[in-house]
Protein backbone atom coordinates (compact mmCIF):
# COMPACT_ATOMS: atom_id res chain seq x y z
CA MET A 1 -0.50 0.20 0.35
CA PHE A 2 2.44 2.39 0.93
CA LEU A 3 5.41 1.32 -1.56
CA ASN A 4 2.38 1.48 -4.09
CA LYS A 5 1.80 5.24 -2.95
CA LEU A 6 5.57 5.93 -3.28
CA ILE A 7 5.71 4.87 -7.01
CA GLN A 8 3.24 7.00 -8.21
CA ARG A 9 4.57 9.29 -6.42
CA ASN A 10 8.04 9.64 -6.97
CA PRO A 11 8.83 7.36 -9.45
CA GLU A 12 12.04 8.92 -9.66
CA PHE A 13 13.36 8.50 -6.11
CA ILE A 14 12.36 4.45 -6.32
CA LYS A 15 14.56 4.29 -9.44
CA THR A 16 17.55 6.21 -7.98
CA VAL A 17 17.06 4.12 -4.77
CA THR A 18 17.19 1.34 -6.51
CA ASN A 19 20.56 1.59 -8.68
CA PHE A 20 21.94 2.68 -6.08
CA HIS A 21 21.58 -0.25 -4.07
CA GLN A 22 21.88 -2.33 -6.94
CA ALA A 23 25.70 -0.56 -7.36
CA GLY A 24 25.94 -1.56 -3.47
CA GLU A 25 26.16 1.89 -2.31
CA ILE A 26 22.98 1.22 0.16
CA PRO A 27 23.14 -1.86 2.16
CA PRO A 28 20.25 -4.12 2.27
CA ASN A 29 17.79 -3.59 4.95
CA SER A 30 18.54 0.47 5.20
CA TYR A 31 16.63 3.23 5.57
CA VAL A 32 16.33 5.60 2.69
CA LEU A 33 14.64 9.43 3.11
CA ASP A 34 13.82 11.81 0.65
CA LEU A 35 15.48 15.25 2.27
CA ASP A 36 13.91 17.26 -0.26
CA THR A 37 10.15 16.01 -0.17
CA ILE A 38 10.16 15.84 3.41
CA GLN A 39 11.32 19.53 3.86
CA SER A 40 8.78 20.45 1.29
CA ASN A 41 6.19 18.75 3.34
CA ALA A 42 7.44 20.40 6.51
CA GLN A 43 7.28 23.74 4.55
CA ILE A 44 4.08 23.35 3.65
CA MET A 45 2.78 22.30 7.83
CA PHE A 46 4.65 25.68 8.69
CA ASP A 47 2.99 28.11 6.12
CA GLU A 48 -0.52 26.91 6.83
CA ALA A 49 0.29 27.17 10.58
CA LYS A 50 1.70 30.64 10.10
CA LYS A 51 -1.77 31.08 8.35
CA LEU A 52 -3.64 29.70 11.14
CA GLU A 53 -1.68 31.99 13.79
CA LYS A 54 -3.12 34.89 12.15
CA THR A 55 -6.46 33.48 12.39
CA LYS A 56 -6.15 32.74 16.65
CA ASN A 57 -6.70 36.33 17.27
CA HIS A 58 -10.00 36.22 15.82
CA PHE A 59 -11.17 33.32 18.04
CA GLU A 60 -10.02 34.75 20.96
CA ASP A 61 -12.89 37.32 20.63
CA SER A 62 -15.51 35.53 20.07
CA LYS A 63 -16.73 31.42 20.69
CA MET A 64 -14.75 28.70 18.94
CA PRO A 65 -16.62 26.60 16.55
CA THR A 66 -17.37 23.24 17.28
CA LEU A 67 -17.87 20.33 15.45
CA TYR A 68 -21.17 19.56 17.54
CA GLU A 69 -23.16 23.05 17.25
C-alpha cells in the first residue's frame, strides 16, 4: 500500500534508490529518506501553521466553533 503510493508519487526516487542498492552503495535492510520531499512537506505545514496563527486572535475574541454545534 505505502510502496504503491510512493511509486505513483515519486518514481524517480525508487529508480535512484534501486540503482544505489544494486551498485552496493546502500546495504540491505536500510532506510532511505527523500530529504527534498520531507523539506517540502515541512514547509507546507509551516506555512499553514502561520496562516492559522493569524486567525488565532479572531477566535480569542469570539466563541470557538465546534463540530457538535
